[in-house]
C-alpha atoms as a PDB file:
ATOM      1  CA  MET A   1     -65.601  48.012  10.921  1.00  0.00           C
ATOM      2  CA  ASN A   2     -66.715  46.043   7.973  1.00  0.00           C
ATOM      3  CA  CYS A   3     -64.411  47.708   6.270  1.00  0.00           C
ATOM      4  CA  CYS A   4     -60.803  47.201   7.977  1.00  0.00           C
ATOM      5  CA  VAL A   5     -62.294  43.544   8.621  1.00  0.00           C
ATOM      6  CA  ALA A   6     -62.581  44.081   4.391  1.00  0.00           C
ATOM      7  CA  ALA A   7     -59.550  45.866   4.332  1.00  0.00           C
ATOM      8  CA  ALA A   8     -57.392  43.547   6.113  1.00  0.00           C
ATOM      9  CA  PHE A   9     -58.840  40.333   4.304  1.00  0.00           C
ATOM     10  CA  ASN A  10     -57.476  41.996   1.051  1.00  0.00           C
ATOM     11  CA  TRP A  11     -54.289  42.541   2.625  1.00  0.00           C
ATOM     12  CA  ASN A  12     -53.856  39.075   3.596  1.00  0.00           C
ATOM     13  CA  GLU A  13     -55.037  37.964   0.151  1.00  0.00           C
ATOM     14  CA  LEU A  14     -52.591  39.665  -1.904  1.00  0.00           C
ATOM     15  CA  VAL A  15     -49.946  39.088   0.986  1.00  0.00           C
ATOM     16  CA  ARG A  16     -50.928  35.310   0.042  1.00  0.00           C
ATOM     17  CA  SER A  17     -50.786  35.709  -3.517  1.00  0.00           C
ATOM     18  CA  ASN A  18     -47.579  37.143  -3.536  1.00  0.00           C
ATOM     19  CA  THR A  19     -46.301  34.630  -0.872  1.00  0.00           C
ATOM     20  CA  ILE A  20     -46.441  31.791  -3.224  1.00  0.00           C
ATOM     21  CA  PRO A  21     -44.015  33.941  -6.275  1.00  0.00           C
ATOM     22  CA  LEU A  22     -41.847  34.763  -3.950  1.00  0.00           C
ATOM     23  CA  LEU A  23     -41.328  31.484  -2.053  1.00  0.00           C
ATOM     24  CA  LEU A  24     -41.039  29.908  -5.384  1.00  0.00           C
ATOM     25  CA  LEU A  25     -37.906  32.828  -6.278  1.00  0.00           C
ATOM     26  CA  LEU A  26     -36.555  32.230  -3.217  1.00  0.00           C
ATOM     27  CA  LEU A  27     -36.184  28.531  -4.249  1.00  0.00           C
ATOM     28  CA  VAL A  28     -34.885  29.224  -7.470  1.00  0.00           C
ATOM     29  CA  ALA A  29     -32.327  31.477  -5.865  1.00  0.00           C
ATOM     30  CA  VAL A  30     -31.130  28.529  -3.888  1.00  0.00           C
ATOM     31  CA  LEU A  31     -31.036  26.375  -5.761  1.00  0.00           C
ATOM     32  CA  LEU A  32     -29.088  28.540  -8.407  1.00  0.00           C
ATOM     33  CA  PHE A  33     -26.259  29.124  -5.619  1.00  0.00           C
ATOM     34  CA  VAL A  34     -26.540  25.354  -4.993  1.00  0.00           C
ATOM     35  CA  LEU A  35     -25.885  24.146  -8.730  1.00  0.00           C
ATOM     36  CA  PHE A  36     -22.899  27.245  -8.482  1.00  0.00           C
ATOM     37  CA  PHE A  37     -21.289  25.941  -5.811  1.00  0.00           C
ATOM     38  CA  TYR A  38     -21.486  22.400  -7.209  1.00  0.00           C
ATOM     39  CA  GLN A  39     -20.178  23.470 -10.222  1.00  0.00           C
ATOM     40  CA  LYS A  40     -17.322  25.337  -8.768  1.00  0.00           C
ATOM     41  CA  ARG A  41     -16.660  22.127  -6.409  1.00  0.00           C
ATOM     42  CA  ILE A  42     -17.191  19.893  -9.564  1.00  0.00           C
ATOM     43  CA  LYS A  43     -14.445  22.521 -11.490  1.00  0.00           C
ATOM     44  CA  SER A  44     -11.743  22.218  -8.112  1.00  0.00           C
ATOM     45  CA  PHE A  45     -11.998  18.418  -7.962  1.00  0.00           C
ATOM     46  CA  ASN A  46     -11.447  18.271 -12.096  1.00  0.00           C
ATOM     47  CA  THR A  47      -8.333  20.666 -11.692  1.00  0.00           C
ATOM     48  CA  LYS A  48      -6.911  18.716  -8.595  1.00  0.00           C
ATOM     49  CA  LEU A  49      -7.885  15.310 -10.674  1.00  0.00           C
ATOM     50  CA  LEU A  50      -5.980  16.451 -13.694  1.00  0.00           C
ATOM     51  CA  ALA A  51      -2.913  17.399 -11.437  1.00  0.00           C
ATOM     52  CA  LEU A  52      -2.969  13.821  -9.768  1.00  0.00           C
ATOM     53  CA  GLU A  53      -3.263  11.941 -12.998  1.00  0.00           C
ATOM     54  CA  LYS A  54      -0.034  14.159 -14.941  1.00  0.00           C
ATOM     55  CA  LYS A  55       1.860  13.502 -11.195  1.00  0.00           C
ATOM     56  CA  GLN A  56       1.190  10.283 -12.178  1.00  0.00           C
ATOM     57  CA  GLN A  57       2.308   9.719 -15.435  1.00  0.00           C
ATOM     58  CA  GLN A  58       5.257  11.771 -14.434  1.00  0.00           C
ATOM     59  CA  LEU A  59       5.989   9.374 -12.020  1.00  0.00           C
ATOM     60  CA  LEU A  60       5.289   6.645 -14.365  1.00  0.00           C
ATOM     61  CA  LEU A  61       7.373   8.420 -17.088  1.00  0.00           C
ATOM     62  CA  ASP A  62      10.132   9.283 -14.460  1.00  0.00           C
ATOM     63  CA  ALA A  63       9.877   4.684 -13.461  1.00  0.00           C
ATOM     64  CA  SER A  64      10.260   3.901 -17.230  1.00  0.00           C
ATOM     65  CA  LEU A  65      13.174   5.996 -17.705  1.00  0.00           C
ATOM     66  CA  ARG A  66      14.827   4.840 -14.640  1.00  0.00           C
ATOM     67  CA  TYR A  67      14.525   1.709 -16.007  1.00  0.00           C
ATOM     68  CA  GLN A  68      15.665   1.853 -19.583  1.00  0.00           C
ATOM     69  CA  GLU A  69      18.725   3.545 -18.212  1.00  0.00           C
ATOM     70  CA  GLU A  70      19.498   0.306 -15.875  1.00  0.00           C
ATOM     71  CA  GLU A  71      18.862  -1.867 -18.430  1.00  0.00           C
ATOM     72  CA  ARG A  72      21.365   0.297 -21.047  1.00  0.00           C
ATOM     73  CA  LYS A  73      23.809   0.661 -17.926  1.00  0.00           C
ATOM     74  CA  LYS A  74      23.601  -3.373 -17.158  1.00  0.00           C
ATOM     75  CA  LEU A  75      23.742  -3.797 -21.328  1.00  0.00           C
ATOM     76  CA  SER A  76      26.828  -1.621 -21.485  1.00  0.00           C
ATOM     77  CA  ALA A  77      28.671  -3.168 -18.225  1.00  0.00           C
ATOM     78  CA  ASN A  78      27.761  -6.998 -19.718  1.00  0.00           C
ATOM     79  CA  LEU A  79      29.667  -5.757 -23.291  1.00  0.00           C
ATOM     80  CA  HIS A  80      32.313  -4.717 -22.085  1.00  0.00           C
ATOM     81  CA  ASP A  81      33.487  -6.651 -18.727  1.00  0.00           C
ATOM     82  CA  ASP A  82      32.616  -9.915 -20.394  1.00  0.00           C
ATOM     83  CA  ALA A  83      32.172  -9.455 -23.825  1.00  0.00           C
ATOM     84  CA  GLY A  84      34.751  -6.818 -24.523  1.00  0.00           C
ATOM     85  CA  PRO A  85      38.119  -8.869 -22.935  1.00  0.00           C
ATOM     86  CA  LEU A  86      37.692 -11.864 -25.235  1.00  0.00           C
ATOM     87  CA  LEU A  87      37.461  -9.352 -28.514  1.00  0.00           C
ATOM     88  CA  ALA A  88      40.239  -7.904 -27.129  1.00  0.00           C
ATOM     89  CA  THR A  89      42.191 -11.444 -26.315  1.00  0.00           C
ATOM     90  CA  ALA A  90      40.751 -12.352 -29.868  1.00  0.00           C
ATOM     91  CA  ARG A  91      42.950  -9.455 -31.906  1.00  0.00           C
ATOM     92  CA  LEU A  92      45.561 -10.781 -29.963  1.00  0.00           C
ATOM     93  CA  TYR A  93      45.875 -13.468 -31.428  1.00  0.00           C
ATOM     94  CA  LEU A  94      45.219 -11.953 -34.781  1.00  0.00           C
ATOM     95  CA  ASN A  95      48.298  -9.597 -34.928  1.00  0.00           C
ATOM     96  CA  ASP A  96      51.285  -9.231 -37.513  1.00  0.00           C
ATOM     97  CA  GLN A  97      53.323 -12.396 -36.418  1.00  0.00           C
ATOM     98  CA  LEU A  98      50.696 -14.688 -37.449  1.00  0.00           C
ATOM     99  CA  LEU A  99      51.908 -14.669 -41.081  1.00  0.00           C
ATOM    100  CA  GLU A 100      55.168 -15.300 -39.713  1.00  0.00           C
ATOM    101  CA  GLN A 101      54.077 -18.256 -37.968  1.00  0.00           C
ATOM    102  CA  ASP A 102      54.844 -21.387 -39.179  1.00  0.00           C
ATOM    103  CA  LYS A 103      51.695 -23.400 -40.528  1.00  0.00           C
ATOM    104  CA  ALA A 104      50.906 -25.908 -37.494  1.00  0.00           C
ATOM    105  CA  THR A 105      51.062 -22.575 -35.055  1.00  0.00           C
ATOM    106  CA  GLN A 106      48.956 -20.457 -37.283  1.00  0.00           C
ATOM    107  CA  ALA A 107      46.071 -23.444 -37.323  1.00  0.00           C
ATOM    108  CA  LYS A 108      46.975 -23.506 -33.389  1.00  0.00           C
ATOM    109  CA  THR A 109      46.627 -19.345 -33.070  1.00  0.00           C
ATOM    110  CA  ILE A 110      43.862 -19.726 -35.557  1.00  0.00           C
ATOM    111  CA  ALA A 111      41.775 -22.281 -33.583  1.00  0.00           C
ATOM    112  CA  MET A 112      42.295 -20.415 -30.496  1.00  0.00           C
ATOM    113  CA  THR A 113      40.954 -17.570 -31.839  1.00  0.00           C
ATOM    114  CA  ARG A 114      38.105 -19.015 -32.852  1.00  0.00           C
ATOM    115  CA  THR A 115      37.070 -20.537 -29.783  1.00  0.00           C
ATOM    116  CA  ILE A 116      37.899 -17.462 -28.477  1.00  0.00           C
ATOM    117  CA  LEU A 117      35.142 -15.541 -30.977  1.00  0.00           C
ATOM    118  CA  ASP A 118      32.619 -18.261 -30.610  1.00  0.00           C
ATOM    119  CA  GLU A 119      32.657 -17.636 -26.183  1.00  0.00           C
ATOM    120  CA  ALA A 120      32.154 -14.087 -27.249  1.00  0.00           C
ATOM    121  CA  ILE A 121      29.397 -15.036 -29.601  1.00  0.00           C
ATOM    122  CA  GLY A 122      27.240 -17.365 -26.953  1.00  0.00           C
ATOM    123  CA  LEU A 123      27.473 -14.494 -24.700  1.00  0.00           C
ATOM    124  CA  VAL A 124      26.130 -11.667 -26.829  1.00  0.00           C
ATOM    125  CA  ARG A 125      23.530 -13.771 -28.060  1.00  0.00           C
ATOM    126  CA  SER A 126      22.533 -14.466 -24.325  1.00  0.00           C
ATOM    127  CA  ILE A 127      22.517 -11.130 -23.859  1.00  0.00           C
ATOM    128  CA  SER A 128      20.396 -10.439 -26.139  1.00  0.00           C
ATOM    129  CA  HIS A 129      18.312 -13.068 -25.085  1.00  0.00           C
ATOM    130  CA  ASP A 130      17.641 -11.558 -21.920  1.00  0.00           C
ATOM    131  CA  LEU A 131      16.837  -8.843 -23.387  1.00  0.00           C
ATOM    132  CA  ILE A 132      14.122 -10.851 -25.353  1.00  0.00           C
ATOM    133  CA  PRO A 133      13.807 -14.323 -24.761  1.00  0.00           C
ATOM    134  CA  PRO A 134      13.374 -16.243 -28.539  1.00  0.00           C
ATOM    135  CA  THR A 135      10.801 -18.473 -26.431  1.00  0.00           C
ATOM    136  CA  LEU A 136       8.447 -15.393 -25.551  1.00  0.00           C
ATOM    137  CA  LYS A 137       9.213 -13.958 -29.314  1.00  0.00           C
ATOM    138  CA  ASN A 138       7.732 -17.335 -31.239  1.00  0.00           C
ATOM    139  CA  PHE A 139       5.611 -19.274 -28.344  1.00  0.00           C
ATOM    140  CA  GLY A 140       4.293 -16.407 -25.987  1.00  0.00           C
ATOM    141  CA  LEU A 141       4.205 -15.741 -22.865  1.00  0.00           C
ATOM    142  CA  HIS A 142       3.249 -19.049 -21.542  1.00  0.00           C
ATOM    143  CA  SER A 143       6.177 -21.012 -22.573  1.00  0.00           C
ATOM    144  CA  ALA A 144       8.738 -18.006 -21.675  1.00  0.00           C
ATOM    145  CA  ILE A 145       7.370 -18.221 -18.055  1.00  0.00           C
ATOM    146  CA  ASN A 146       8.101 -22.458 -18.288  1.00  0.00           C
ATOM    147  CA  ASP A 147      11.563 -21.737 -19.236  1.00  0.00           C
ATOM    148  CA  LEU A 148      11.702 -19.638 -16.515  1.00  0.00           C
ATOM    149  CA  ILE A 149      10.022 -22.638 -14.188  1.00  0.00           C
ATOM    150  CA  LYS A 150      12.699 -24.527 -15.267  1.00  0.00           C
ATOM    151  CA  LYS A 151      15.647 -23.183 -14.868  1.00  0.00           C
ATOM    152  CA  ILE A 152      14.440 -22.418 -10.910  1.00  0.00           C
ATOM    153  CA  ASN A 153      13.780 -26.429 -10.703  1.00  0.00           C
ATOM    154  CA  GLY A 154      17.297 -26.759 -12.950  1.00  0.00           C
ATOM    155  CA  ALA A 155      19.116 -25.613  -9.689  1.00  0.00           C
ATOM    156  CA  GLY A 156      17.936 -27.483  -7.070  1.00  0.00           C
ATOM    157  CA  VAL A 157      16.760 -25.402  -4.713  1.00  0.00           C
ATOM    158  CA  VAL A 158      13.638 -24.515  -4.831  1.00  0.00           C
ATOM    159  CA  THR A 159      10.915 -26.490  -6.366  1.00  0.00           C
ATOM    160  CA  ALA A 160       8.700 -24.734  -9.157  1.00  0.00           C
ATOM    161  CA  SER A 161       5.868 -25.844 -11.097  1.00  0.00           C
ATOM    162  CA  ALA A 162       3.074 -23.743 -13.321  1.00  0.00           C
ATOM    163  CA  SER A 163       0.362 -24.367 -15.024  1.00  0.00           C
ATOM    164  CA  PHE A 164      -1.173 -22.757 -18.028  1.00  0.00           C
ATOM    165  CA  THR A 165      -4.642 -22.133 -19.566  1.00  0.00           C
ATOM    166  CA  SER A 166      -5.749 -20.675 -22.993  1.00  0.00           C
ATOM    167  CA  TYR A 167      -2.751 -21.001 -24.989  1.00  0.00           C
ATOM    168  CA  ASP A 168      -4.329 -19.733 -28.146  1.00  0.00           C
ATOM    169  CA  LYS A 169      -4.410 -15.485 -26.915  1.00  0.00           C
ATOM    170  CA  ARG A 170      -1.827 -13.972 -26.639  1.00  0.00           C
ATOM    171  CA  TYR A 171      -0.683  -9.826 -26.970  1.00  0.00           C
ATOM    172  CA  ASN A 172       1.424  -7.514 -29.043  1.00  0.00           C
ATOM    173  CA  GLU A 173       4.780  -8.542 -28.580  1.00  0.00           C
ATOM    174  CA  GLU A 174       5.787  -5.524 -26.549  1.00  0.00           C
ATOM    175  CA  LYS A 175       3.157  -5.999 -24.206  1.00  0.00           C
ATOM    176  CA  GLU A 176       3.990  -9.802 -23.578  1.00  0.00           C
ATOM    177  CA  MET A 177       7.417  -8.049 -22.821  1.00  0.00           C
ATOM    178  CA  ILE A 178       6.418  -5.443 -19.902  1.00  0.00           C
ATOM    179  CA  ILE A 179       4.359  -8.631 -18.630  1.00  0.00           C
ATOM    180  CA  TYR A 180       7.746 -11.296 -18.753  1.00  0.00           C
ATOM    181  CA  ARG A 181       9.740  -8.615 -16.849  1.00  0.00           C
ATOM    182  CA  ILE A 182       7.241  -8.361 -13.958  1.00  0.00           C
ATOM    183  CA  VAL A 183       6.623 -11.855 -13.657  1.00  0.00           C
ATOM    184  CA  LEU A 184      10.585 -12.172 -13.693  1.00  0.00           C
ATOM    185  CA  GLU A 185      11.173  -9.017 -11.255  1.00  0.00           C
ATOM    186  CA  LEU A 186       8.739 -10.967  -8.805  1.00  0.00           C
ATOM    187  CA  LEU A 187      10.314 -14.422  -8.959  1.00  0.00           C
ATOM    188  CA  ASN A 188      13.567 -12.947  -8.195  1.00  0.00           C
ATOM    189  CA  ASN A 189      12.399 -10.568  -5.091  1.00  0.00           C
ATOM    190  CA  ILE A 190      11.259 -14.240  -3.919  1.00  0.00           C
ATOM    191  CA  LEU A 191      14.504 -16.053  -4.738  1.00  0.00           C
ATOM    192  CA  LYS A 192      16.407 -13.562  -3.006  1.00  0.00           C
ATOM    193  CA  HIS A 193      14.340 -12.469   0.290  1.00  0.00           C
ATOM    194  CA  SER A 194      12.101 -15.070   0.601  1.00  0.00           C
ATOM    195  CA  GLN A 195      13.838 -18.302   1.407  1.00  0.00           C
ATOM    196  CA  ALA A 196      10.837 -19.784  -0.516  1.00  0.00           C
ATOM    197  CA  SER A 197      10.464 -23.758  -0.615  1.00  0.00           C
ATOM    198  CA  PHE A 198       8.298 -23.847  -3.373  1.00  0.00           C
ATOM    199  CA  ILE A 199       6.805 -21.405  -6.044  1.00  0.00           C
ATOM    200  CA  ASP A 200       3.958 -21.999  -8.607  1.00  0.00           C
ATOM    201  CA  ILE A 201       2.497 -20.108 -10.954  1.00  0.00           C
ATOM    202  CA  GLU A 202      -1.042 -19.892 -12.501  1.00  0.00           C
ATOM    203  CA  GLN A 203      -2.470 -18.490 -16.078  1.00  0.00           C
ATOM    204  CA  HIS A 204      -5.247 -18.166 -17.799  1.00  0.00           C
ATOM    205  CA  TRP A 205      -8.103 -15.842 -19.290  1.00  0.00           C
ATOM    206  CA  HIS A 206     -11.169 -14.570 -17.750  1.00  0.00           C
ATOM    207  CA  GLN A 207     -13.658 -12.620 -19.125  1.00  0.00           C
ATOM    208  CA  GLN A 208     -11.362 -11.373 -21.801  1.00  0.00           C
ATOM    209  CA  GLN A 209      -8.575 -10.247 -19.229  1.00  0.00           C
ATOM    210  CA  TYR A 210      -5.362 -11.772 -18.337  1.00  0.00           C
ATOM    211  CA  ARG A 211      -4.919 -13.467 -14.675  1.00  0.00           C
ATOM    212  CA  LEU A 212      -1.200 -14.738 -13.363  1.00  0.00           C
ATOM    213  CA  LEU A 213      -1.375 -16.000  -9.696  1.00  0.00           C
ATOM    214  CA  ILE A 214       2.266 -17.167  -8.121  1.00  0.00           C
ATOM    215  CA  SER A 215       2.089 -18.574  -4.935  1.00  0.00           C
ATOM    216  CA  HIS A 216       5.216 -19.152  -2.389  1.00  0.00           C
ATOM    217  CA  ASP A 217       5.381 -20.563   1.156  1.00  0.00           C
ATOM    218  CA  GLY A 218       8.540 -18.068   2.293  1.00  0.00           C
ATOM    219  CA  ASN A 219       8.341 -14.631   3.610  1.00  0.00           C
ATOM    220  CA  GLY A 220       6.283 -12.462   1.616  1.00  0.00           C
ATOM    221  CA  LEU A 221       4.337  -9.406   1.198  1.00  0.00           C
ATOM    222  CA  THR A 222       0.694  -7.870   1.966  1.00  0.00           C
ATOM    223  CA  GLN A 223      -0.666  -5.085  -0.155  1.00  0.00           C
ATOM    224  CA  GLN A 224      -0.038  -2.500   2.719  1.00  0.00           C
ATOM    225  CA  ILE A 225       3.775  -3.749   3.008  1.00  0.00           C
ATOM    226  CA  PHE A 226       3.985  -3.024  -0.307  1.00  0.00           C
ATOM    227  CA  ASP A 227       1.841   0.297  -0.773  1.00  0.00           C
ATOM    228  CA  ARG A 228       4.040   1.402   1.766  1.00  0.00           C
ATOM    229  CA  LEU A 229       7.623   0.020   0.604  1.00  0.00           C
ATOM    230  CA  ASN A 230       6.777   1.387  -3.288  1.00  0.00           C
ATOM    231  CA  ASN A 231       6.053   5.303  -1.469  1.00  0.00           C
ATOM    232  CA  GLN A 232       9.397   4.961  -0.077  1.00  0.00           C
ATOM    233  CA  PRO A 233      12.511   6.797  -1.994  1.00  0.00           C
ATOM    234  CA  GLU A 234      14.018   2.784  -2.044  1.00  0.00           C
ATOM    235  CA  GLY A 235      12.747   0.190  -3.629  1.00  0.00           C
ATOM    236  CA  MET A 236      13.329   0.543  -7.451  1.00  0.00           C
ATOM    237  CA  GLY A 237      12.357  -3.102  -8.125  1.00  0.00           C
ATOM    238  CA  LEU A 238       8.980  -2.489  -6.630  1.00  0.00           C
ATOM    239  CA  LYS A 239       8.607   0.930  -8.032  1.00  0.00           C
ATOM    240  CA  ASN A 240       9.176  -0.904 -11.764  1.00  0.00           C
ATOM    241  CA  ILE A 241       6.804  -3.479 -11.415  1.00  0.00           C
ATOM    242  CA  ALA A 242       4.054  -0.589  -9.986  1.00  0.00           C
ATOM    243  CA  GLY A 243       4.903   1.222 -13.230  1.00  0.00           C
ATOM    244  CA  ARG A 244       4.570  -1.525 -15.571  1.00  0.00           C
ATOM    245  CA  ILE A 245       1.311  -2.432 -14.121  1.00  0.00           C
ATOM    246  CA  ARG A 246       0.071   0.970 -14.121  1.00  0.00           C
ATOM    247  CA  LEU A 247       1.336   0.918 -18.220  1.00  0.00           C
ATOM    248  CA  LEU A 248      -0.457  -1.799 -19.071  1.00  0.00           C
ATOM    249  CA  GLU A 249      -3.700  -0.567 -17.112  1.00  0.00           C
ATOM    250  CA  GLY A 250      -3.766  -3.207 -14.571  1.00  0.00           C
ATOM    251  CA  SER A 251      -3.815  -4.747 -10.992  1.00  0.00           C
ATOM    252  CA  ILE A 252      -1.617  -6.209  -8.979  1.00  0.00           C
ATOM    253  CA  HIS A 253      -2.242  -7.697  -4.921  1.00  0.00           C
ATOM    254  CA  PHE A 254      -0.760  -8.954  -3.014  1.00  0.00           C
ATOM    255  CA  GLU A 255      -2.044 -11.208   0.005  1.00  0.00           C
ATOM    256  CA  LYS A 256      -1.439 -13.895   2.597  1.00  0.00           C
ATOM    257  CA  GLU A 257      -3.719 -17.009   3.018  1.00  0.00           C
ATOM    258  CA  PRO A 258      -4.849 -16.663   6.659  1.00  0.00           C
ATOM    259  CA  VAL A 259      -4.693 -20.707   7.361  1.00  0.00           C
ATOM    260  CA  LYS A 260      -1.779 -21.964   6.008  1.00  0.00           C
ATOM    261  CA  ASN A 261       1.473 -19.635   5.411  1.00  0.00           C
ATOM    262  CA  ILE A 262       0.917 -18.763   2.074  1.00  0.00           C
ATOM    263  CA  TYR A 263       1.598 -15.476   0.106  1.00  0.00           C
ATOM    264  CA  ALA A 264      -0.023 -14.969  -2.896  1.00  0.00           C
ATOM    265  CA  ILE A 265       0.170 -12.199  -5.827  1.00  0.00           C
ATOM    266  CA  LYS A 266      -2.442 -11.885  -8.005  1.00  0.00           C
ATOM    267  CA  ILE A 267      -1.826  -9.763 -11.151  1.00  0.00           C
ATOM    268  CA  SER A 268      -4.655  -8.619 -13.604  1.00  0.00           C
ATOM    269  CA  ILE A 269      -4.454  -7.126 -17.159  1.00  0.00           C
ATOM    270  CA  PRO A 270      -7.042  -6.583 -19.732  1.00  0.00           C
END
């Protein structure tokens, strides 16, 4: 009997002594399995994230190319439809018969030709200013946007105002041009579609970020509507805005103040 008890005790001790290593091995196996599983999940997630980033970059590139193509078509149309006829008319005045005319007629013809050429030069200068406004190039965003506000006020339909701080900081010319195009597109949309009676722009620097606030009392967008319209095939203007914001690694947010009928567009650029 004592032998049986002793044997049972030894067996239990043996089992107990082997249980802990077995449990540790099992725990290690489980941890390795979980680690392998999550590594696989992380790898899959990173692959999907990389694919989404490539897709986003492609969409941004497509939007940029479409915008450049639109700008080229617009420039080509302006030169062809406006500058082309003026130059062709000037060429008609400067024909071979000019030398056969009397001096008074020649002087009149040359004066008329000069007037036409001056008009063509002014038109080309206006087109070049639209591409790169000299105020933006020489004095920065605050001055260029202020010029836009003056032009809006000059029309006498909408009351526009602008306030700026921290004029001492500037981006490079390319980045300022992109921000200027964003503001120009937003203002055009407000003037065309919102029926606003006033527009206000505030610009300042905050913690190394350029921040711009555009407010108006017309029919505006909320962020939900902007996101929905931006995902539709049409609406190139909104896609250009979103594409430029992503290009600058910035953010844009549309909201409506709950109390007043005021829509605000908030832009932040690092």
